[in-house]
Amino acid sequence: MADDDSLFLGASRTPDDAYQRAETLLLRYGNRHGLVTGATGTGKTVTLQILAEAFSNAGVPVFCADIKGDLSGIAAIGEHKDFLVKRAQQVRLDPYEFQEFPVIFWDLFGEKGHPIRATVSEMGPLLLSRLMNLSEAQEGVLNIAFRLADEDGLLLLDLKDLQAMLAHVADRAAEISKLYGNVSRTSVGAIQRSLLVLEQQGGANFFGEPALEIADLMRTTRDGRGAVSVLAADRLMMNPRLYATFLLWLMSELFEALPEVGDPDRPRLVFFFDEAHLLFDGAPKILVDRVEQVVRLIRSKGVGVYFVTQNPLDVPDTVLAQLGNRIQHALRAYTPREQKAVKASAQTFRANPDFDCAAAITQLGVGEALVSTLEAKGIPSMVQRTLIRPPASRLGPITDQERARIQALSPVAGRYDKTIDRESAFEILQKRGAEAADAAEREARDGGRAGGPWG
């Protein structure tokens, strides 16, 4: 069984399917990152739930996305079910106590949680280019727009600020091209059209103020439990590029904002990146390099990043190499790619002479996984075939009424609900345009007579 220095994940089984030992994750290696993989319906979401519960009880704040709504049950106390009690007995979880957890719900659209926003400046041209799928030339123009805004002291807070800045760049295209290289109106127009699509997809809700304060993701309760921040992502998943870009932005913000802490006895925050393949699908090399850099260095900030995805091949090798704690649920092996994934996954584990790892991956039952975590001195443990423990919180979603009650009692209630629209690039450029138009109108009305007959 786990103690104060480790998290109880479940129990491994002997080749004859008898109880072997408790499988745990050492808290001091919780910031060495992790990977949870497996086909649909094999138990990945429940594994994410029991990990979030365990980290929270250990005083570690958690951030995770709720793709299907199932994860919201972590906010409600668990319910007695025969199959849960049976699993608790199988893994020797005694006593098996039900519990609710301190959850803060977030939602980019402000429908199922507190609104969560970032400014355009915080997002930056690299991530915005990825979000809008811009070409290299268009990304160059976007970089110039950010550079000019910075030089002119123009704040880029929301999408209308960026739209105004792009119109300003188009108006000065000839002048700007002499300083920074070719800026074509065609490229500006393409970016503006992409911004319009982003706005129609709900992206405008995300950009603006008040921007998210990282400290609100790192709260603990009076009894010392870590807050579990749950991002409602069912609607967000209709725009997977926005979902992936937002989570990458958040991970980057954590990296930039938090100080170095070395090797703490437990993580300061654990970040779960569900549907992780969306981050890497079609991503340019510069973005993959950025992810690899953040994952490698954020560990020293005390943040653990856990990627959750169906196939281990979804994660590039450079990132995969950084993930020390691994939980592999069942994979299918019908197509050549699936067979390759099974083989690749098996090869990432420290072999166990008691069973064939590759064969076991295709034979695992629901709620069963191959588990390998970092042991003393950071060495991976020998892979074990493990029954994952049952959750203490509710298995399945909460009701809308329960969600509304939890939001009303939230420690950030009212802080992000109302949008702030202070003077920024849009207002300043609009004011400058109006002043220039007034000056032109006065000159035209005077007809040059103010200077006398000689001009």
Protein backbone atom coordinates (compact mmCIF):
# COMPACT_ATOMS: atom_id res chain seq x y z
CA MET A 1 0.00 0.00 0.00
CA ALA A 2 1.13 3.57 -0.64
CA ASP A 3 2.41 5.84 2.12
CA ASP A 4 2.78 9.62 2.44
CA ASP A 5 5.63 9.60 -0.08
CA SER A 6 3.85 7.72 -2.88
CA LEU A 7 0.56 7.35 -4.73
CA PHE A 8 -1.26 4.01 -4.79
CA LEU A 9 -2.07 3.03 -8.39
CA GLY A 10 -3.23 -0.56 -8.01
CA ALA A 11 -1.83 -4.06 -7.60
CA SER A 12 0.28 -6.17 -9.93
CA ARG A 13 -0.57 -9.79 -10.67
CA THR A 14 1.54 -12.92 -10.84
CA PRO A 15 1.53 -15.09 -14.01
CA ASP A 16 -1.22 -17.23 -12.40
CA ASP A 17 -3.29 -14.04 -11.78
CA ALA A 18 -2.78 -13.89 -8.02
CA TYR A 19 -2.06 -10.72 -6.02
CA GLN A 20 1.62 -9.78 -6.19
CA ARG A 21 2.26 -6.33 -4.70
CA ALA A 22 1.04 -2.74 -4.53
CA GLU A 23 2.13 -0.57 -7.46
CA THR A 24 2.89 3.03 -6.54
CA LEU A 25 4.23 6.28 -7.98
CA LEU A 26 6.83 8.05 -5.82
CA LEU A 27 5.79 11.65 -5.22
CA ARG A 28 9.34 12.95 -5.55
CA TYR A 29 9.35 11.65 -9.13
CA GLY A 30 5.90 12.98 -9.97
CA ASN A 31 7.50 15.88 -11.87
CA ARG A 32 9.43 13.46 -14.10
CA HIS A 33 6.36 13.42 -16.34
CA GLY A 34 4.33 10.49 -17.58
CA LEU A 35 2.38 8.80 -20.35
CA VAL A 36 -1.04 7.13 -20.20
CA THR A 37 -1.96 5.28 -23.40
CA GLY A 38 -4.54 2.77 -24.60
CA ALA A 39 -7.35 2.22 -27.06
CA THR A 40 -10.81 3.74 -26.56
CA GLY A 41 -12.76 2.08 -23.77
CA THR A 42 -9.80 0.51 -21.97
CA GLY A 43 -9.90 2.72 -18.88
CA LYS A 44 -7.64 5.70 -19.61
CA THR A 45 -10.12 8.26 -18.22
CA VAL A 46 -10.52 6.37 -14.95
CA THR A 47 -6.73 6.11 -14.66
CA LEU A 48 -6.51 9.88 -15.16
CA GLN A 49 -9.20 10.29 -12.48
CA ILE A 50 -7.42 8.15 -9.86
CA LEU A 51 -4.13 9.93 -10.58
CA ALA A 52 -5.79 13.33 -10.14
CA GLU A 53 -7.40 12.13 -6.89
CA ALA A 54 -4.11 10.82 -5.53
CA PHE A 55 -2.15 13.96 -6.38
CA SER A 56 -4.88 16.15 -4.86
CA ASN A 57 -4.86 14.17 -1.60
CA ALA A 58 -1.06 14.55 -1.54
CA GLY A 59 -1.44 18.35 -1.65
CA VAL A 60 -0.54 18.71 -5.33
CA PRO A 61 -2.80 20.93 -7.53
CA VAL A 62 -3.91 19.33 -10.79
CA PHE A 63 -5.00 20.68 -14.18
CA CYS A 64 -6.81 18.38 -16.61
CA ALA A 65 -9.20 18.58 -19.55
CA ASP A 66 -12.58 16.83 -19.50
CA ILE A 67 -13.06 15.70 -23.08
CA LYS A 68 -16.35 13.78 -22.74
CA GLY A 69 -17.75 15.17 -19.48
CA ASP A 70 -16.98 11.95 -17.57
CA LEU A 71 -14.18 13.48 -15.51
CA SER A 72 -16.51 15.99 -13.85
CA GLY A 73 -17.53 13.21 -11.42
CA ILE A 74 -14.31 13.86 -9.49
CA ALA A 75 -16.17 16.77 -7.86
CA ALA A 76 -18.79 14.42 -6.33
CA ILE A 77 -18.49 11.73 -3.69
CA GLY A 78 -18.25 8.19 -5.04
CA GLU A 79 -21.18 5.77 -5.02
CA HIS A 80 -21.16 2.16 -3.85
CA LYS A 81 -21.12 -0.21 -6.82
CA ASP A 82 -20.42 -3.92 -6.66
CA PHE A 83 -17.75 -3.93 -9.37
CA LEU A 84 -15.88 -1.08 -7.67
CA VAL A 85 -15.91 -2.84 -4.31
CA LYS A 86 -14.73 -6.05 -5.98
CA ARG A 87 -11.81 -4.22 -7.63
CA ALA A 88 -10.90 -2.63 -4.26
CA GLN A 89 -10.76 -6.12 -2.74
CA GLN A 90 -8.64 -7.43 -5.63
CA VAL A 91 -6.02 -4.70 -5.15
CA ARG A 92 -6.29 -4.87 -1.32
CA LEU A 93 -7.46 -1.28 -0.97
CA ASP A 94 -8.65 -1.36 2.62
CA PRO A 95 -10.42 0.72 3.70
CA TYR A 96 -12.05 1.75 0.42
CA GLU A 97 -13.45 5.17 1.27
CA PHE A 98 -15.53 7.38 -0.99
CA GLN A 99 -14.61 11.04 -1.29
CA GLU A 100 -15.29 14.25 -3.21
CA PHE A 101 -12.48 16.53 -4.33
CA PRO A 102 -11.97 20.33 -4.43
CA VAL A 103 -12.69 21.08 -8.09
CA ILE A 104 -12.62 24.37 -9.99
CA PHE A 105 -14.39 24.16 -13.35
CA TRP A 106 -13.07 26.20 -16.29
CA ASP A 107 -14.42 26.70 -19.81
CA LEU A 108 -13.03 28.78 -22.68
CA PHE A 109 -16.64 29.56 -23.64
CA GLY A 110 -17.78 30.34 -20.09
CA GLU A 111 -20.67 27.85 -20.28
CA LYS A 112 -19.65 24.97 -18.00
CA GLY A 113 -17.05 26.73 -15.91
CA HIS A 114 -15.34 30.01 -15.20
CA PRO A 115 -14.15 31.78 -18.38
CA ILE A 116 -10.48 31.28 -19.06
CA ARG A 117 -8.69 33.88 -21.18
CA ALA A 118 -5.32 34.95 -22.47
CA THR A 119 -4.28 38.14 -24.24
CA VAL A 120 -3.16 38.08 -27.87
CA SER A 121 0.28 39.28 -26.73
CA GLU A 122 0.61 36.38 -24.29
CA MET A 123 -0.29 33.87 -26.99
CA GLY A 124 2.36 35.31 -29.32
CA PRO A 125 2.84 35.01 -33.10
CA LEU A 126 4.19 31.43 -33.09
CA LEU A 127 1.17 29.86 -31.40
CA LEU A 128 -1.28 32.12 -33.23
CA SER A 129 0.24 31.06 -36.55
CA ARG A 130 -0.23 27.42 -35.53
CA LEU A 131 -3.79 28.14 -34.42
CA MET A 132 -4.70 29.74 -37.75
CA ASN A 133 -2.59 27.35 -39.85
CA LEU A 134 -0.70 30.23 -41.51
CA SER A 135 1.90 29.83 -44.21
CA GLU A 136 5.51 30.85 -43.62
CA ALA A 137 5.00 34.18 -45.42
CA GLN A 138 1.84 34.92 -43.45
CA GLU A 139 3.58 34.05 -40.18
CA GLY A 140 6.30 36.55 -41.13
CA VAL A 141 3.71 39.30 -41.58
CA LEU A 142 2.14 38.41 -38.23
CA ASN A 143 5.56 38.71 -36.56
CA ILE A 144 5.97 42.17 -38.10
CA ALA A 145 2.56 43.22 -36.76
CA PHE A 146 3.59 42.17 -33.25
CA ARG A 147 6.93 43.97 -33.63
CA LEU A 148 5.26 47.23 -34.73
CA ALA A 149 2.71 47.02 -31.92
CA ASP A 150 5.54 46.63 -29.43
CA GLU A 151 7.49 49.58 -30.87
CA ASP A 152 4.41 51.83 -30.90
CA GLY A 153 3.30 50.81 -27.39
CA LEU A 154 0.05 49.33 -28.69
CA LEU A 155 -1.44 46.65 -26.46
CA LEU A 156 -2.72 43.55 -28.27
CA LEU A 157 -5.33 42.16 -25.89
CA ASP A 158 -8.19 40.74 -27.94
CA LEU A 159 -8.94 39.81 -31.55
CA LYS A 160 -10.23 43.25 -32.50
CA ASP A 161 -6.86 44.68 -31.43
CA LEU A 162 -5.07 42.27 -33.75
CA GLN A 163 -7.51 42.98 -36.58
CA ALA A 164 -6.93 46.72 -36.18
CA MET A 165 -3.16 46.19 -36.13
CA LEU A 166 -3.28 44.13 -39.32
CA ALA A 167 -5.33 46.86 -41.06
CA HIS A 168 -2.70 49.36 -39.89
CA VAL A 169 0.05 47.17 -41.38
CA ALA A 170 -1.83 46.92 -44.67
CA ASP A 171 -2.21 50.72 -44.84
CA ARG A 172 1.54 51.16 -44.30
CA ALA A 173 2.59 48.15 -46.39
CA ALA A 174 4.92 50.07 -48.73
CA GLU A 175 6.68 51.87 -45.87
CA ILE A 176 6.97 48.74 -43.70
CA SER A 177 8.29 46.62 -46.59
CA LYS A 178 11.34 48.92 -46.84
CA LEU A 179 12.17 48.28 -43.17
CA TYR A 180 11.22 44.63 -42.59
CA GLY A 181 10.96 43.00 -46.00
CA ASN A 182 8.00 42.39 -48.24
CA VAL A 183 4.59 42.82 -46.61
CA SER A 184 1.90 42.05 -49.15
CA ARG A 185 -1.72 43.02 -48.78
CA THR A 186 -2.56 39.49 -49.93
CA SER A 187 -0.85 37.97 -46.88
CA VAL A 188 -2.53 40.47 -44.56
CA GLY A 189 -5.90 39.65 -46.11
CA ALA A 190 -5.32 35.91 -45.65
CA ILE A 191 -4.52 36.42 -41.95
CA GLN A 192 -7.61 38.58 -41.51
CA ARG A 193 -9.78 35.86 -43.07
CA SER A 194 -8.23 33.27 -40.75
CA LEU A 195 -8.97 35.54 -37.79
CA LEU A 196 -12.60 35.77 -38.91
CA VAL A 197 -12.86 31.96 -39.01
CA LEU A 198 -11.25 31.74 -35.57
CA GLU A 199 -13.73 34.29 -34.24
CA GLN A 200 -16.69 32.35 -35.67
CA GLN A 201 -15.40 29.18 -34.02
CA GLY A 202 -15.52 30.85 -30.62
CA GLY A 203 -11.89 31.91 -30.39
CA ALA A 204 -12.91 35.47 -29.53
CA ASN A 205 -14.10 34.21 -26.13
CA PHE A 206 -10.58 33.13 -25.26
CA PHE A 207 -8.70 36.32 -26.10
CA GLY A 208 -9.07 39.26 -23.75
CA GLU A 209 -9.01 40.25 -20.11
CA PRO A 210 -9.03 39.46 -17.26
CA ALA A 211 -6.36 36.95 -18.26
CA LEU A 212 -5.89 33.78 -16.26
CA GLU A 213 -3.61 34.11 -13.25
CA ILE A 214 -1.41 31.02 -12.91
CA ALA A 215 -1.75 31.21 -9.11
CA ASP A 216 -5.43 30.27 -9.46
CA LEU A 217 -4.40 26.88 -10.87
CA MET A 218 -2.11 26.22 -7.92
CA ARG A 219 -4.52 26.56 -5.02
CA THR A 220 -4.74 24.26 -2.03
CA THR A 221 -7.59 23.86 0.45
CA ARG A 222 -7.45 24.57 4.19
CA ASP A 223 -7.03 20.85 4.84
CA GLY A 224 -4.00 20.76 2.51
CA ARG A 225 -5.50 19.11 -0.59
CA GLY A 226 -4.59 20.33 -4.06
CA ALA A 227 -7.28 21.95 -6.18
CA VAL A 228 -8.30 19.99 -9.27
CA SER A 229 -8.86 22.40 -12.17
CA VAL A 230 -11.09 20.72 -14.74
CA LEU A 231 -11.38 22.30 -18.20
CA ALA A 232 -14.73 21.55 -19.86
CA ALA A 233 -13.54 20.52 -23.32
CA ASP A 234 -16.49 18.76 -24.96
CA ARG A 235 -17.39 21.83 -27.07
CA LEU A 236 -13.76 22.91 -27.33
CA MET A 237 -12.93 19.59 -29.03
CA MET A 238 -15.00 20.70 -32.02
CA ASN A 239 -11.99 22.93 -32.75
CA PRO A 240 -9.10 20.58 -31.90
CA ARG A 241 -6.46 23.07 -33.04
CA LEU A 242 -7.72 25.65 -30.53
CA TYR A 243 -7.73 22.97 -27.82
CA ALA A 244 -4.15 21.88 -28.50
CA THR A 245 -2.85 25.45 -28.90
CA PHE A 246 -4.52 26.57 -25.68
CA LEU A 247 -2.97 23.73 -23.65
CA LEU A 248 0.45 24.37 -25.17
CA TRP A 249 0.09 28.07 -24.29
CA LEU A 250 -0.85 27.16 -20.73
CA MET A 251 2.10 24.79 -20.40
CA SER A 252 4.40 27.51 -21.77
CA GLU A 253 2.95 30.09 -19.35
CA LEU A 254 3.66 27.77 -16.43
CA PHE A 255 7.20 27.37 -17.67
CA GLU A 256 7.70 31.14 -18.00
CA ALA A 257 5.98 32.16 -14.78
CA LEU A 258 7.24 29.68 -12.21
CA PRO A 259 10.64 29.92 -10.51
CA GLU A 260 13.20 27.11 -10.42
CA VAL A 261 12.73 24.78 -7.45
CA GLY A 262 15.17 21.97 -8.28
CA ASP A 263 13.96 18.56 -7.11
CA PRO A 264 11.06 19.09 -4.67
CA ASP A 265 9.67 16.26 -2.52
CA ARG A 266 6.45 16.52 -4.52
CA PRO A 267 5.34 18.40 -7.66
CA ARG A 268 4.00 21.94 -7.38
CA LEU A 269 1.45 21.16 -10.11
CA VAL A 270 0.56 18.22 -12.32
CA PHE A 271 -0.71 18.95 -15.83
CA PHE A 272 -2.63 16.29 -17.78
CA PHE A 273 -2.65 16.74 -21.58
CA ASP A 274 -5.52 14.53 -22.85
CA GLU A 275 -5.82 13.74 -26.58
CA ALA A 276 -2.12 14.63 -26.81
CA HIS A 277 -1.89 13.59 -30.46
CA LEU A 278 -3.71 16.81 -31.39
CA LEU A 279 -0.67 18.76 -30.26
CA PHE A 280 1.65 17.03 -32.68
CA ASP A 281 -0.58 16.30 -35.71
CA GLY A 282 0.85 18.33 -38.58
CA ALA A 283 2.86 20.53 -36.22
CA PRO A 284 5.92 22.24 -37.76
CA LYS A 285 9.33 21.24 -36.41
CA ILE A 286 9.80 24.55 -34.61
CA LEU A 287 6.65 23.86 -32.57
CA VAL A 288 7.63 20.26 -31.75
CA ASP A 289 11.05 21.56 -30.67
CA ARG A 290 9.29 24.09 -28.43
CA VAL A 291 7.20 21.34 -26.80
CA GLU A 292 10.29 19.18 -26.26
CA GLN A 293 12.12 22.14 -24.69
CA VAL A 294 9.26 23.03 -22.35
CA VAL A 295 8.75 19.40 -21.25
CA ARG A 296 12.46 18.98 -20.59
CA LEU A 297 12.89 22.18 -18.59
CA ILE A 298 9.56 22.55 -16.80
CA ARG A 299 10.48 19.64 -14.54
CA SER A 300 12.87 21.93 -12.63
CA LYS A 301 9.91 24.27 -12.02
CA GLY A 302 8.20 21.45 -10.12
CA VAL A 303 5.58 20.76 -12.81
CA GLY A 304 4.79 17.24 -13.99
CA VAL A 305 3.29 16.85 -17.48
CA TYR A 306 1.32 13.67 -18.23
CA PHE A 307 0.35 12.99 -21.85
CA VAL A 308 -2.82 10.94 -22.38
CA THR A 309 -3.38 9.49 -25.84
CA GLN A 310 -4.43 6.31 -27.62
CA ASN A 311 -1.19 5.39 -29.31
CA PRO A 312 2.37 5.86 -28.01
CA LEU A 313 3.42 6.63 -31.60
CA ASP A 314 1.38 9.85 -31.30
CA VAL A 315 4.16 11.37 -29.20
CA PRO A 316 7.52 12.21 -30.89
CA ASP A 317 10.55 10.28 -29.64
CA THR A 318 12.23 13.45 -28.33
CA VAL A 319 9.24 14.07 -26.04
CA LEU A 320 8.66 10.38 -25.27
CA ALA A 321 12.19 10.14 -23.88
CA GLN A 322 11.26 12.69 -21.17
CA LEU A 323 8.32 10.67 -19.80
CA GLY A 324 9.47 8.54 -16.88
CA ASN A 325 6.18 7.19 -15.47
CA ARG A 326 4.16 5.03 -17.86
CA ILE A 327 0.75 3.38 -17.75
CA GLN A 328 -0.16 1.36 -20.85
CA HIS A 329 -3.74 0.11 -21.27
CA ALA A 330 -4.74 -2.37 -23.97
CA LEU A 331 -3.97 -1.73 -27.62
CA ARG A 332 -5.45 -3.45 -30.63
CA ALA A 333 -3.07 -5.03 -33.13
CA TYR A 334 -5.00 -5.64 -36.34
CA THR A 335 -3.40 -3.22 -38.81
CA PRO A 336 0.36 -2.88 -39.49
CA ARG A 337 0.40 0.52 -37.74
CA GLU A 338 -1.31 -0.93 -34.68
CA GLN A 339 1.16 -3.81 -34.60
CA LYS A 340 4.01 -1.31 -34.85
CA ALA A 341 2.52 0.68 -31.94
CA VAL A 342 2.30 -2.44 -29.77
CA LYS A 343 5.90 -3.33 -30.50
CA ALA A 344 7.09 0.26 -29.94
CA SER A 345 5.21 0.48 -26.64
CA ALA A 346 6.60 -2.84 -25.39
CA GLN A 347 10.14 -1.71 -26.15
CA THR A 348 9.81 1.39 -23.97
CA PHE A 349 9.37 -0.72 -20.82
CA ARG A 350 12.00 -2.37 -18.68
CA ALA A 351 11.35 -6.03 -19.53
CA ASN A 352 9.81 -8.47 -17.06
CA PRO A 353 10.92 -12.11 -17.54
CA ASP A 354 7.56 -13.35 -16.23
CA PHE A 355 5.60 -12.38 -19.37
CA ASP A 356 5.84 -11.21 -22.97
CA CYS A 357 5.18 -7.47 -22.80
CA ALA A 358 4.02 -7.11 -26.44
CA ALA A 359 1.58 -10.02 -26.11
CA ALA A 360 0.26 -8.71 -22.79
CA ILE A 361 -0.61 -5.29 -24.27
CA THR A 362 -3.18 -6.88 -26.58
CA GLN A 363 -4.66 -9.06 -23.81
CA LEU A 364 -5.23 -6.51 -21.04
CA GLY A 365 -8.76 -6.18 -19.71
CA VAL A 366 -10.65 -2.96 -19.00
CA GLY A 367 -9.05 -1.21 -16.04
CA GLU A 368 -5.90 -3.27 -16.37
CA ALA A 369 -2.57 -1.81 -17.50
CA LEU A 370 1.14 -2.33 -17.78
CA VAL A 371 2.74 -0.02 -15.23
CA SER A 372 6.32 1.18 -14.86
CA THR A 373 7.25 4.11 -12.62
CA LEU A 374 10.53 5.60 -11.48
CA GLU A 375 12.03 3.94 -8.42
CA ALA A 376 14.97 4.96 -6.22
CA LYS A 377 17.61 7.01 -8.06
CA GLY A 378 15.13 7.58 -10.92
CA ILE A 379 15.48 4.09 -12.41
CA PRO A 380 12.37 2.73 -14.18
CA SER A 381 10.75 -0.17 -12.36
CA MET A 382 10.32 -3.52 -14.07
CA VAL A 383 7.01 -3.44 -15.96
CA GLN A 384 4.13 -5.08 -14.10
CA ARG A 385 0.70 -6.23 -15.24
CA THR A 386 -1.50 -4.19 -12.91
CA LEU A 387 -5.15 -3.89 -11.90
CA ILE A 388 -5.81 -0.16 -11.51
CA ARG A 389 -7.49 0.85 -8.25
CA PRO A 390 -11.12 2.11 -8.30
CA PRO A 391 -11.78 5.85 -7.90
CA ALA A 392 -12.95 7.38 -4.63
CA SER A 393 -15.07 9.99 -6.40
CA ARG A 394 -18.06 9.44 -8.67
CA LEU A 395 -17.58 7.35 -11.78
CA GLY A 396 -19.34 9.34 -14.51
CA PRO A 397 -20.50 12.96 -14.96
CA ILE A 398 -22.18 15.27 -12.47
CA THR A 399 -25.48 17.01 -13.17
CA ASP A 400 -25.85 20.61 -14.35
CA GLN A 401 -27.33 21.53 -10.95
CA GLU A 402 -24.32 20.07 -9.13
CA ARG A 403 -21.95 21.91 -11.45
CA ALA A 404 -23.74 25.23 -10.84
CA ARG A 405 -23.53 24.72 -7.05
CA ILE A 406 -19.80 23.95 -7.22
CA GLN A 407 -19.17 27.03 -9.38
CA ALA A 408 -21.09 29.28 -6.98
CA LEU A 409 -18.85 28.12 -4.11
CA SER A 410 -15.65 28.34 -6.17
CA PRO A 411 -12.73 30.37 -4.74
CA VAL A 412 -12.53 32.27 -8.07
CA ALA A 413 -16.26 32.95 -8.41
CA GLY A 414 -16.82 36.39 -9.96
CA ARG A 415 -13.15 36.98 -10.70
CA TYR A 416 -13.21 36.09 -14.40
CA ASP A 417 -16.91 36.22 -15.22
CA LYS A 418 -17.03 39.81 -16.55
CA THR A 419 -14.91 40.86 -19.54
CA ILE A 420 -12.69 43.95 -19.15
CA ASP A 421 -12.13 46.03 -22.29
CA ARG A 422 -9.50 48.68 -21.54
CA GLU A 423 -7.88 51.01 -24.08
CA SER A 424 -5.61 49.06 -26.38
CA ALA A 425 -4.52 48.91 -30.05
CA PHE A 426 -8.08 49.00 -31.45
CA GLU A 427 -9.12 52.13 -29.57
CA ILE A 428 -5.80 53.95 -30.09
CA LEU A 429 -5.64 53.25 -33.84
CA GLN A 430 -9.30 54.18 -34.21
CA LYS A 431 -8.61 57.48 -32.42
CA ARG A 432 -5.56 58.18 -34.60
CA GLY A 433 -7.60 57.47 -37.73
CA ALA A 434 -10.34 59.84 -36.62
CA GLU A 435 -7.80 62.59 -35.88
CA ALA A 436 -6.14 62.13 -39.29
CA ALA A 437 -9.54 62.27 -41.00
CA ASP A 438 -10.45 65.47 -39.15
CA ALA A 439 -7.14 67.08 -40.13
CA ALA A 440 -7.66 66.12 -43.77
CA GLU A 441 -11.20 67.48 -43.70
CA ARG A 442 -10.06 70.82 -42.24
CA GLU A 443 -7.35 71.15 -44.86
CA ALA A 444 -9.80 70.42 -47.65
CA ARG A 445 -12.33 72.91 -46.23
CA ASP A 446 -9.76 75.68 -45.87
CA GLY A 447 -8.51 75.00 -49.38
CA GLY A 448 -5.00 76.11 -48.47
CA ARG A 449 -6.17 79.77 -47.90
CA ALA A 450 -4.78 79.93 -44.37
CA GLY A 451 -1.32 80.63 -45.78
CA GLY A 452 -2.45 83.64 -47.88
CA PRO A 453 -2.25 83.99 -51.67
CA TRP A 454 1.34 82.76 -51.70
CA GLY A 455 0.50 79.47 -49.87
